[in-house]
Amino acid sequence: MKKFIGQSIFKIAGWQYDVDPTLLENKQVLIGFEHTSNMDAVLSLALFATLDIKIHTLIKKELFKGPLKPFMQAIGGIPVDRHNKQDIVGQMVQLFNQHEKFSLVIAPEGTRAKNGDERRPIRTGFWHIAKAAGVPIVLMYAHAPTKRGGVFAKIYPDNLEEDLKIIKAKYAELGIDVKIPE
């Protein structure tokens, strides 16, 4: 049923996704660009339902109140207090270690412009989590102008600076500009 609903969302939205299943693993951090709207999250949920992959994602704790709480939990949300310094990396490593299968999906902050065309460099928490957990980073894309997306590459974190250059280059091949920190 979940697969049918996921496929239906793509059909209704007019999107197509290409996925190389050999890139997916039992434990992984998945990142996605371009993150231009909240519709990207809906399409990602549809994609994972189609692939029958249970995902988890970090969501601001304020959304886990009232009637939204069961929905946030059902979609694999992990509440995060963004105003309180926490050891998110350590907490995520514990979750990876506690599960046989664990897929953490992150849209690196800074990918959606707050003021028009202003773009900030991506944040690198996804890399630190993957490195500490010893899991790969799987690259996804959603390109709104062509209504195409997918899972297209994987890297094993080794050196932050070099890995960010590789990520930038891989997305550039798809015509997606990822702004990395200097």
N, C-alpha and C. Protein backbone atom coordinates (compact mmCIF):
# COMPACT_ATOMS: atom_id res chain seq x y z
N MET A 1 0.82 -1.20 0.00
CA MET A 1 0.00 0.00 0.00
C MET A 1 0.86 1.26 0.00
N LYS A 2 1.92 1.26 0.86
CA LYS A 2 2.80 2.43 0.90
C LYS A 2 3.45 2.67 -0.46
N LYS A 3 3.84 1.59 -1.11
CA LYS A 3 4.48 1.71 -2.43
C LYS A 3 3.52 2.34 -3.43
N PHE A 4 2.27 1.91 -3.42
CA PHE A 4 1.25 2.45 -4.32
C PHE A 4 1.03 3.94 -4.06
N ILE A 5 0.95 4.32 -2.79
CA ILE A 5 0.74 5.73 -2.44
C ILE A 5 1.94 6.56 -2.90
N GLY A 6 3.14 6.06 -2.65
CA GLY A 6 4.35 6.77 -3.09
C GLY A 6 4.37 6.98 -4.60
N GLN A 7 4.08 5.92 -5.33
CA GLN A 7 4.07 6.01 -6.80
C GLN A 7 2.98 6.97 -7.27
N SER A 8 1.84 6.97 -6.58
CA SER A 8 0.75 7.86 -6.95
C SER A 8 1.13 9.33 -6.75
N ILE A 9 1.85 9.61 -5.69
CA ILE A 9 2.30 10.99 -5.44
C ILE A 9 3.18 11.47 -6.59
N PHE A 10 4.10 10.62 -7.04
CA PHE A 10 4.95 11.00 -8.17
C PHE A 10 4.12 11.27 -9.41
N LYS A 11 3.17 10.41 -9.68
CA LYS A 11 2.34 10.54 -10.88
C LYS A 11 1.54 11.85 -10.83
N ILE A 12 0.92 12.12 -9.68
CA ILE A 12 0.11 13.34 -9.53
C ILE A 12 0.99 14.58 -9.64
N ALA A 13 2.17 14.55 -9.03
CA ALA A 13 3.07 15.70 -9.05
C ALA A 13 3.81 15.85 -10.38
N GLY A 14 3.79 14.81 -11.20
CA GLY A 14 4.48 14.86 -12.49
C GLY A 14 5.99 14.69 -12.40
N TRP A 15 6.46 14.06 -11.31
CA TRP A 15 7.88 13.86 -11.10
C TRP A 15 8.29 12.45 -11.49
N GLN A 16 9.56 12.31 -11.84
CA GLN A 16 10.15 11.00 -12.10
C GLN A 16 11.43 10.88 -11.28
N TYR A 17 11.65 9.68 -10.74
CA TYR A 17 12.85 9.42 -9.95
C TYR A 17 13.61 8.24 -10.52
N ASP A 18 14.93 8.37 -10.53
CA ASP A 18 15.83 7.29 -10.93
C ASP A 18 16.62 6.89 -9.69
N VAL A 19 16.61 5.61 -9.39
CA VAL A 19 17.31 5.12 -8.21
C VAL A 19 18.17 3.92 -8.60
N ASP A 20 19.45 4.01 -8.28
CA ASP A 20 20.35 2.87 -8.43
C ASP A 20 20.32 2.13 -7.09
N PRO A 21 19.59 1.01 -7.01
CA PRO A 21 19.45 0.32 -5.72
C PRO A 21 20.75 -0.19 -5.13
N THR A 22 21.79 -0.33 -5.95
CA THR A 22 23.08 -0.80 -5.41
C THR A 22 23.75 0.25 -4.54
N LEU A 23 23.26 1.48 -4.61
CA LEU A 23 23.84 2.55 -3.79
C LEU A 23 23.29 2.55 -2.37
N LEU A 24 22.17 1.90 -2.16
CA LEU A 24 21.51 1.92 -0.85
C LEU A 24 22.04 0.81 0.04
N GLU A 25 22.17 1.13 1.33
CA GLU A 25 22.70 0.17 2.30
C GLU A 25 21.76 0.09 3.49
N ASN A 26 22.01 -0.85 4.38
CA ASN A 26 21.18 -0.98 5.57
C ASN A 26 21.35 0.19 6.53
N LYS A 27 22.55 0.77 6.56
CA LYS A 27 22.83 1.92 7.41
C LYS A 27 23.47 2.97 6.53
N GLN A 28 22.91 4.21 6.58
CA GLN A 28 23.39 5.26 5.68
C GLN A 28 22.86 6.62 6.12
N VAL A 29 23.60 7.65 5.71
CA VAL A 29 23.11 9.03 5.83
C VAL A 29 22.82 9.46 4.40
N LEU A 30 21.59 9.86 4.16
CA LEU A 30 21.19 10.32 2.83
C LEU A 30 21.06 11.83 2.86
N ILE A 31 21.67 12.50 1.88
CA ILE A 31 21.54 13.95 1.79
C ILE A 31 20.92 14.29 0.44
N GLY A 32 20.24 15.44 0.39
CA GLY A 32 19.58 15.80 -0.85
C GLY A 32 19.67 17.27 -1.17
N PHE A 33 19.83 17.54 -2.45
CA PHE A 33 19.84 18.90 -3.00
C PHE A 33 19.01 18.86 -4.26
N GLU A 34 18.46 19.77 -4.80
CA GLU A 34 18.26 21.11 -4.27
C GLU A 34 17.08 21.03 -3.32
N HIS A 35 17.17 21.65 -2.21
CA HIS A 35 16.07 21.69 -1.25
C HIS A 35 15.46 23.08 -1.35
N THR A 36 14.49 23.21 -2.25
CA THR A 36 13.93 24.53 -2.55
C THR A 36 12.57 24.76 -1.95
N SER A 37 11.88 23.68 -1.56
CA SER A 37 10.55 23.86 -0.96
C SER A 37 10.24 22.66 -0.07
N ASN A 38 9.16 22.79 0.69
CA ASN A 38 8.75 21.67 1.54
C ASN A 38 8.19 20.52 0.71
N MET A 39 7.87 20.78 -0.56
CA MET A 39 7.41 19.71 -1.45
C MET A 39 8.52 18.66 -1.62
N ASP A 40 9.78 19.09 -1.51
CA ASP A 40 10.90 18.15 -1.59
C ASP A 40 10.77 17.08 -0.51
N ALA A 41 10.33 17.48 0.68
CA ALA A 41 10.17 16.51 1.77
C ALA A 41 9.06 15.52 1.44
N VAL A 42 7.96 16.00 0.88
CA VAL A 42 6.85 15.12 0.51
C VAL A 42 7.32 14.11 -0.54
N LEU A 43 8.06 14.60 -1.54
CA LEU A 43 8.55 13.70 -2.59
C LEU A 43 9.55 12.69 -2.03
N SER A 44 10.38 13.13 -1.09
CA SER A 44 11.34 12.20 -0.47
C SER A 44 10.60 11.10 0.29
N LEU A 45 9.58 11.49 1.05
CA LEU A 45 8.80 10.49 1.78
C LEU A 45 8.14 9.50 0.81
N ALA A 46 7.64 10.03 -0.30
CA ALA A 46 7.03 9.16 -1.32
C ALA A 46 8.07 8.21 -1.90
N LEU A 47 9.27 8.72 -2.17
CA LEU A 47 10.33 7.88 -2.72
C LEU A 47 10.68 6.74 -1.76
N PHE A 48 10.85 7.07 -0.49
CA PHE A 48 11.23 6.04 0.48
C PHE A 48 10.11 5.04 0.70
N ALA A 49 8.86 5.49 0.62
CA ALA A 49 7.73 4.56 0.70
C ALA A 49 7.76 3.61 -0.49
N THR A 50 8.04 4.15 -1.67
CA THR A 50 8.12 3.33 -2.88
C THR A 50 9.24 2.29 -2.77
N LEU A 51 10.35 2.69 -2.17
CA LEU A 51 11.50 1.78 -2.02
C LEU A 51 11.40 0.90 -0.78
N ASP A 52 10.35 1.11 0.03
CA ASP A 52 10.14 0.38 1.28
C ASP A 52 11.33 0.53 2.23
N ILE A 53 11.77 1.79 2.37
CA ILE A 53 12.87 2.12 3.29
C ILE A 53 12.32 2.97 4.42
N LYS A 54 12.49 2.50 5.65
CA LYS A 54 12.10 3.27 6.83
C LYS A 54 13.19 4.31 7.06
N ILE A 55 12.80 5.56 7.04
CA ILE A 55 13.79 6.63 7.22
C ILE A 55 13.57 7.35 8.55
N HIS A 56 14.60 8.08 8.93
CA HIS A 56 14.56 8.94 10.11
C HIS A 56 15.12 10.28 9.68
N THR A 57 14.64 11.33 10.31
CA THR A 57 15.16 12.65 9.98
C THR A 57 15.07 13.55 11.21
N LEU A 58 15.98 14.47 11.30
CA LEU A 58 16.01 15.42 12.41
C LEU A 58 15.01 16.54 12.12
N ILE A 59 14.12 16.79 13.09
CA ILE A 59 13.08 17.80 12.92
C ILE A 59 13.03 18.65 14.19
N LYS A 60 12.84 19.95 14.02
CA LYS A 60 12.81 20.82 15.20
C LYS A 60 11.72 20.36 16.17
N LYS A 61 12.08 20.36 17.45
CA LYS A 61 11.23 19.77 18.50
C LYS A 61 9.87 20.45 18.59
N GLU A 62 9.77 21.68 18.17
CA GLU A 62 8.51 22.41 18.26
C GLU A 62 7.39 21.74 17.47
N LEU A 63 7.74 20.96 16.46
CA LEU A 63 6.72 20.30 15.64
C LEU A 63 6.20 19.01 16.27
N PHE A 64 6.76 18.60 17.41
CA PHE A 64 6.34 17.38 18.08
C PHE A 64 5.33 17.67 19.18
N LYS A 65 4.52 18.69 19.01
CA LYS A 65 3.49 19.06 19.99
C LYS A 65 2.12 18.88 19.37
N GLY A 66 1.16 18.58 20.23
CA GLY A 66 -0.23 18.51 19.79
C GLY A 66 -0.48 17.44 18.75
N PRO A 67 -1.39 17.76 17.81
CA PRO A 67 -1.81 16.76 16.83
C PRO A 67 -0.71 16.37 15.82
N LEU A 68 0.34 17.16 15.69
CA LEU A 68 1.41 16.83 14.76
C LEU A 68 2.35 15.73 15.29
N LYS A 69 2.39 15.56 16.61
CA LYS A 69 3.35 14.63 17.21
C LYS A 69 3.25 13.21 16.63
N PRO A 70 2.06 12.59 16.57
CA PRO A 70 2.00 11.23 16.01
C PRO A 70 2.47 11.17 14.55
N PHE A 71 2.15 12.20 13.78
CA PHE A 71 2.58 12.22 12.38
C PHE A 71 4.10 12.33 12.30
N MET A 72 4.70 13.21 13.09
CA MET A 72 6.16 13.38 13.08
C MET A 72 6.85 12.08 13.47
N GLN A 73 6.28 11.37 14.44
CA GLN A 73 6.87 10.09 14.85
C GLN A 73 6.69 9.04 13.75
N ALA A 74 5.53 9.05 13.10
CA ALA A 74 5.25 8.06 12.05
C ALA A 74 6.18 8.20 10.85
N ILE A 75 6.61 9.43 10.56
CA ILE A 75 7.51 9.63 9.42
C ILE A 75 8.98 9.49 9.81
N GLY A 76 9.23 9.07 11.04
CA GLY A 76 10.61 8.83 11.47
C GLY A 76 11.31 10.07 12.01
N GLY A 77 10.52 11.03 12.42
CA GLY A 77 11.11 12.27 12.95
C GLY A 77 11.81 12.05 14.27
N ILE A 78 12.95 12.71 14.42
CA ILE A 78 13.72 12.70 15.66
C ILE A 78 13.76 14.15 16.14
N PRO A 79 13.12 14.46 17.29
CA PRO A 79 13.07 15.86 17.74
C PRO A 79 14.44 16.40 18.14
N VAL A 80 14.70 17.63 17.70
CA VAL A 80 15.96 18.29 18.00
C VAL A 80 15.68 19.68 18.54
N ASP A 81 16.33 20.02 19.64
CA ASP A 81 16.25 21.37 20.20
C ASP A 81 17.39 22.18 19.58
N ARG A 82 17.04 23.02 18.60
CA ARG A 82 18.08 23.75 17.86
C ARG A 82 18.67 24.90 18.67
N HIS A 83 18.07 25.22 19.81
CA HIS A 83 18.59 26.32 20.63
C HIS A 83 19.42 25.83 21.80
N ASN A 84 19.52 24.52 21.97
CA ASN A 84 20.25 23.93 23.07
C ASN A 84 21.39 23.09 22.49
N LYS A 85 22.59 23.36 22.91
CA LYS A 85 23.73 22.59 22.43
C LYS A 85 23.58 21.14 22.88
N GLN A 86 23.53 20.25 21.93
CA GLN A 86 23.40 18.82 22.20
C GLN A 86 24.50 18.08 21.44
N ASP A 87 24.77 16.89 21.87
CA ASP A 87 25.69 16.04 21.14
C ASP A 87 24.89 15.24 20.13
N ILE A 88 24.43 15.91 19.07
CA ILE A 88 23.61 15.27 18.05
C ILE A 88 24.39 14.14 17.39
N VAL A 89 25.67 14.38 17.11
CA VAL A 89 26.48 13.35 16.46
C VAL A 89 26.50 12.09 17.34
N GLY A 90 26.78 12.24 18.61
CA GLY A 90 26.82 11.10 19.53
C GLY A 90 25.48 10.39 19.62
N GLN A 91 24.40 11.17 19.66
CA GLN A 91 23.07 10.57 19.73
C GLN A 91 22.76 9.77 18.47
N MET A 92 23.16 10.30 17.32
CA MET A 92 22.89 9.59 16.07
C MET A 92 23.75 8.33 15.96
N VAL A 93 24.99 8.38 16.42
CA VAL A 93 25.84 7.19 16.42
C VAL A 93 25.20 6.10 17.28
N GLN A 94 24.64 6.48 18.44
CA GLN A 94 23.96 5.50 19.29
C GLN A 94 22.79 4.85 18.54
N LEU A 95 22.01 5.67 17.83
CA LEU A 95 20.88 5.13 17.08
C LEU A 95 21.35 4.18 15.97
N PHE A 96 22.41 4.55 15.27
CA PHE A 96 22.95 3.65 14.24
C PHE A 96 23.38 2.33 14.87
N ASN A 97 24.02 2.41 16.04
CA ASN A 97 24.51 1.20 16.70
C ASN A 97 23.38 0.32 17.24
N GLN A 98 22.24 0.92 17.56
CA GLN A 98 21.12 0.18 18.15
C GLN A 98 20.24 -0.52 17.12
N HIS A 99 20.42 -0.20 15.85
CA HIS A 99 19.53 -0.74 14.83
C HIS A 99 20.29 -1.52 13.76
N GLU A 100 19.66 -2.57 13.27
CA GLU A 100 20.24 -3.34 12.17
C GLU A 100 20.13 -2.55 10.86
N LYS A 101 19.04 -1.79 10.74
CA LYS A 101 18.83 -0.92 9.59
C LYS A 101 18.51 0.48 10.11
N PHE A 102 19.21 1.47 9.58
CA PHE A 102 18.94 2.85 10.01
C PHE A 102 19.37 3.80 8.89
N SER A 103 18.39 4.50 8.34
CA SER A 103 18.64 5.47 7.28
C SER A 103 18.27 6.85 7.80
N LEU A 104 19.26 7.73 7.89
CA LEU A 104 19.05 9.09 8.36
C LEU A 104 19.08 10.01 7.16
N VAL A 105 17.99 10.74 6.94
CA VAL A 105 17.88 11.65 5.81
C VAL A 105 18.06 13.07 6.31
N ILE A 106 18.97 13.81 5.64
CA ILE A 106 19.26 15.18 6.05
C ILE A 106 19.32 16.07 4.81
N ALA A 107 18.61 17.19 4.88
CA ALA A 107 18.76 18.24 3.88
C ALA A 107 19.64 19.29 4.56
N PRO A 108 20.92 19.32 4.22
CA PRO A 108 21.84 20.21 4.93
C PRO A 108 21.34 21.65 4.96
N GLU A 109 21.28 22.19 6.17
CA GLU A 109 20.79 23.56 6.36
C GLU A 109 21.57 24.52 5.48
N GLY A 110 20.90 25.50 4.99
CA GLY A 110 21.55 26.47 4.12
C GLY A 110 21.22 26.22 2.67
N THR A 111 20.48 25.15 2.38
CA THR A 111 20.17 24.85 0.99
C THR A 111 18.93 25.60 0.51
N ARG A 112 18.09 26.05 1.43
CA ARG A 112 16.94 26.85 1.02
C ARG A 112 17.26 28.30 1.34
N ALA A 113 17.08 29.18 0.36
CA ALA A 113 17.36 30.60 0.56
C ALA A 113 16.32 31.20 1.48
N LYS A 114 16.76 31.99 2.44
CA LYS A 114 15.84 32.65 3.36
C LYS A 114 15.34 33.97 2.77
N ASN A 115 16.22 34.67 2.06
CA ASN A 115 15.86 35.97 1.48
C ASN A 115 16.14 35.97 -0.01
N GLY A 116 15.14 35.59 -0.78
CA GLY A 116 15.32 35.62 -2.22
C GLY A 116 16.38 34.67 -2.70
N ASP A 117 17.41 35.23 -3.34
CA ASP A 117 18.45 34.41 -3.94
C ASP A 117 19.65 34.16 -3.03
N GLU A 118 19.59 34.66 -1.80
CA GLU A 118 20.70 34.47 -0.87
C GLU A 118 20.90 32.98 -0.60
N ARG A 119 22.12 32.52 -0.80
CA ARG A 119 22.46 31.13 -0.53
C ARG A 119 23.62 31.08 0.42
N ARG A 120 23.50 30.23 1.41
CA ARG A 120 24.57 30.06 2.38
C ARG A 120 25.25 28.72 2.16
N PRO A 121 26.48 28.58 2.61
CA PRO A 121 27.15 27.27 2.49
C PRO A 121 26.39 26.21 3.29
N ILE A 122 26.50 24.97 2.83
CA ILE A 122 25.84 23.89 3.55
C ILE A 122 26.50 23.70 4.91
N ARG A 123 25.76 23.10 5.81
CA ARG A 123 26.31 22.74 7.10
C ARG A 123 26.80 21.31 7.01
N THR A 124 27.76 20.97 7.79
CA THR A 124 28.46 19.69 7.61
C THR A 124 28.13 18.63 8.66
N GLY A 125 27.09 18.83 9.44
CA GLY A 125 26.72 17.85 10.45
C GLY A 125 26.50 16.45 9.88
N PHE A 126 25.92 16.38 8.68
CA PHE A 126 25.68 15.08 8.04
C PHE A 126 26.98 14.30 7.89
N TRP A 127 28.07 15.01 7.53
CA TRP A 127 29.36 14.36 7.32
C TRP A 127 29.89 13.82 8.65
N HIS A 128 29.80 14.65 9.69
CA HIS A 128 30.31 14.25 11.01
C HIS A 128 29.54 13.04 11.55
N ILE A 129 28.23 13.02 11.32
CA ILE A 129 27.42 11.88 11.76
C ILE A 129 27.85 10.62 11.01
N ALA A 130 27.94 10.70 9.69
CA ALA A 130 28.31 9.53 8.88
C ALA A 130 29.71 9.03 9.25
N LYS A 131 30.65 9.94 9.41
CA LYS A 131 32.03 9.57 9.75
C LYS A 131 32.08 8.86 11.10
N ALA A 132 31.41 9.45 12.11
CA ALA A 132 31.44 8.87 13.45
C ALA A 132 30.71 7.53 13.50
N ALA A 133 29.66 7.37 12.71
CA ALA A 133 28.88 6.12 12.71
C ALA A 133 29.50 5.07 11.79
N GLY A 134 30.45 5.48 10.95
CA GLY A 134 31.08 4.54 10.02
C GLY A 134 30.14 4.09 8.92
N VAL A 135 29.31 5.02 8.44
CA VAL A 135 28.33 4.69 7.38
C VAL A 135 28.56 5.59 6.18
N PRO A 136 28.10 5.17 5.00
CA PRO A 136 28.26 6.00 3.81
C PRO A 136 27.29 7.16 3.76
N ILE A 137 27.65 8.13 2.94
CA ILE A 137 26.76 9.25 2.61
C ILE A 137 26.23 8.96 1.21
N VAL A 138 24.91 8.83 1.11
CA VAL A 138 24.26 8.57 -0.17
C VAL A 138 23.66 9.87 -0.68
N LEU A 139 23.94 10.19 -1.94
CA LEU A 139 23.53 11.47 -2.52
C LEU A 139 22.23 11.32 -3.31
N MET A 140 21.29 12.20 -2.97
CA MET A 140 20.01 12.26 -3.67
C MET A 140 19.89 13.64 -4.32
N TYR A 141 19.03 13.74 -5.32
CA TYR A 141 18.77 15.05 -5.89
C TYR A 141 17.29 15.19 -6.24
N ALA A 142 16.86 16.44 -6.26
CA ALA A 142 15.52 16.80 -6.71
C ALA A 142 15.70 18.08 -7.51
N HIS A 143 15.43 18.01 -8.81
CA HIS A 143 15.64 19.15 -9.69
C HIS A 143 14.27 19.63 -10.18
N ALA A 144 13.74 20.66 -9.52
CA ALA A 144 12.38 21.14 -9.78
C ALA A 144 12.13 21.55 -11.24
N PRO A 145 13.07 22.25 -11.91
CA PRO A 145 12.78 22.65 -13.29
C PRO A 145 12.51 21.48 -14.23
N THR A 146 13.15 20.34 -14.00
CA THR A 146 12.94 19.17 -14.88
C THR A 146 12.00 18.13 -14.25
N LYS A 147 11.63 18.36 -12.98
CA LYS A 147 10.80 17.42 -12.23
C LYS A 147 11.41 16.02 -12.25
N ARG A 148 12.71 15.99 -12.03
CA ARG A 148 13.44 14.72 -11.97
C ARG A 148 14.25 14.68 -10.69
N GLY A 149 14.44 13.49 -10.20
CA GLY A 149 15.24 13.32 -9.00
C GLY A 149 15.72 11.90 -8.90
N GLY A 150 16.43 11.62 -7.82
CA GLY A 150 16.88 10.26 -7.63
C GLY A 150 18.01 10.11 -6.65
N VAL A 151 18.51 8.89 -6.59
CA VAL A 151 19.66 8.52 -5.79
C VAL A 151 20.75 8.19 -6.79
N PHE A 152 21.87 8.90 -6.73
CA PHE A 152 22.83 8.78 -7.83
C PHE A 152 24.28 8.54 -7.45
N ALA A 153 24.65 8.64 -6.19
CA ALA A 153 26.05 8.44 -5.83
C ALA A 153 26.19 8.13 -4.35
N LYS A 154 27.37 7.63 -3.99
CA LYS A 154 27.66 7.31 -2.59
C LYS A 154 29.13 7.58 -2.33
N ILE A 155 29.41 8.13 -1.16
CA ILE A 155 30.81 8.30 -0.75
C ILE A 155 30.95 7.80 0.69
N TYR A 156 32.15 7.37 1.00
CA TYR A 156 32.47 6.97 2.36
C TYR A 156 33.29 8.11 2.97
N PRO A 157 32.81 8.73 4.04
CA PRO A 157 33.51 9.89 4.59
C PRO A 157 34.91 9.55 5.07
N ASP A 158 35.85 10.43 4.68
CA ASP A 158 37.24 10.22 5.04
C ASP A 158 37.89 11.53 5.46
N ASN A 159 37.84 12.53 4.56
CA ASN A 159 38.46 13.83 4.81
C ASN A 159 37.41 14.89 4.47
N LEU A 160 37.00 15.66 5.45
CA LEU A 160 35.90 16.61 5.28
C LEU A 160 36.09 17.51 4.06
N GLU A 161 37.22 18.18 3.99
CA GLU A 161 37.46 19.13 2.90
C GLU A 161 37.39 18.45 1.53
N GLU A 162 38.06 17.32 1.40
CA GLU A 162 38.06 16.60 0.13
C GLU A 162 36.69 16.02 -0.20
N ASP A 163 36.01 15.49 0.80
CA ASP A 163 34.69 14.91 0.57
C ASP A 163 33.68 15.97 0.13
N LEU A 164 33.76 17.16 0.70
CA LEU A 164 32.86 18.24 0.28
C LEU A 164 33.11 18.63 -1.17
N LYS A 165 34.37 18.62 -1.59
CA LYS A 165 34.69 18.90 -2.99
C LYS A 165 34.10 17.83 -3.91
N ILE A 166 34.18 16.58 -3.49
CA ILE A 166 33.62 15.48 -4.28
C ILE A 166 32.10 15.63 -4.37
N ILE A 167 31.47 15.93 -3.24
CA ILE A 167 30.01 16.11 -3.24
C ILE A 167 29.62 17.25 -4.17
N LYS A 168 30.32 18.37 -4.08
CA LYS A 168 30.04 19.51 -4.95
C LYS A 168 30.18 19.12 -6.42
N ALA A 169 31.26 18.39 -6.75
CA ALA A 169 31.50 17.99 -8.15
C ALA A 169 30.43 17.02 -8.65
N LYS A 170 30.01 16.09 -7.81
CA LYS A 170 28.99 15.13 -8.23
C LYS A 170 27.66 15.83 -8.51
N TYR A 171 27.29 16.78 -7.67
CA TYR A 171 26.05 17.52 -7.92
C TYR A 171 26.19 18.44 -9.13
N ALA A 172 27.38 18.99 -9.34
CA ALA A 172 27.61 19.85 -10.50
C ALA A 172 27.36 19.10 -11.80
N GLU A 173 27.66 17.79 -11.82
CA GLU A 173 27.40 16.98 -13.01
C GLU A 173 25.91 16.96 -13.38
N LEU A 174 25.05 17.21 -12.38
CA LEU A 174 23.60 17.25 -12.62
C LEU A 174 23.10 18.68 -12.81
N GLY A 175 24.03 19.65 -12.81
CA GLY A 175 23.63 21.04 -12.96
C GLY A 175 23.14 21.68 -11.66
N ILE A 176 23.51 21.08 -10.53
CA ILE A 176 23.09 21.58 -9.22
C ILE A 176 24.32 22.14 -8.52
N ASP A 177 24.23 23.41 -8.14
CA ASP A 177 25.34 24.08 -7.47
C ASP A 177 25.19 23.96 -5.96
N VAL A 178 26.12 23.28 -5.33
CA VAL A 178 26.15 23.13 -3.89
C VAL A 178 27.24 24.06 -3.37
N LYS A 179 26.85 25.00 -2.53
CA LYS A 179 27.81 25.95 -1.97
C LYS A 179 28.41 25.34 -0.72
N ILE A 180 29.72 25.08 -0.76
CA ILE A 180 30.39 24.48 0.38
C ILE A 180 31.12 25.54 1.20
N PRO A 181 31.32 25.29 2.49
CA PRO A 181 32.01 26.26 3.34
C PRO A 181 33.45 26.43 2.88
N GLU A 182 33.97 27.63 3.06
CA GLU A 182 35.38 27.90 2.69
C GLU A 182 36.29 27.56 3.83
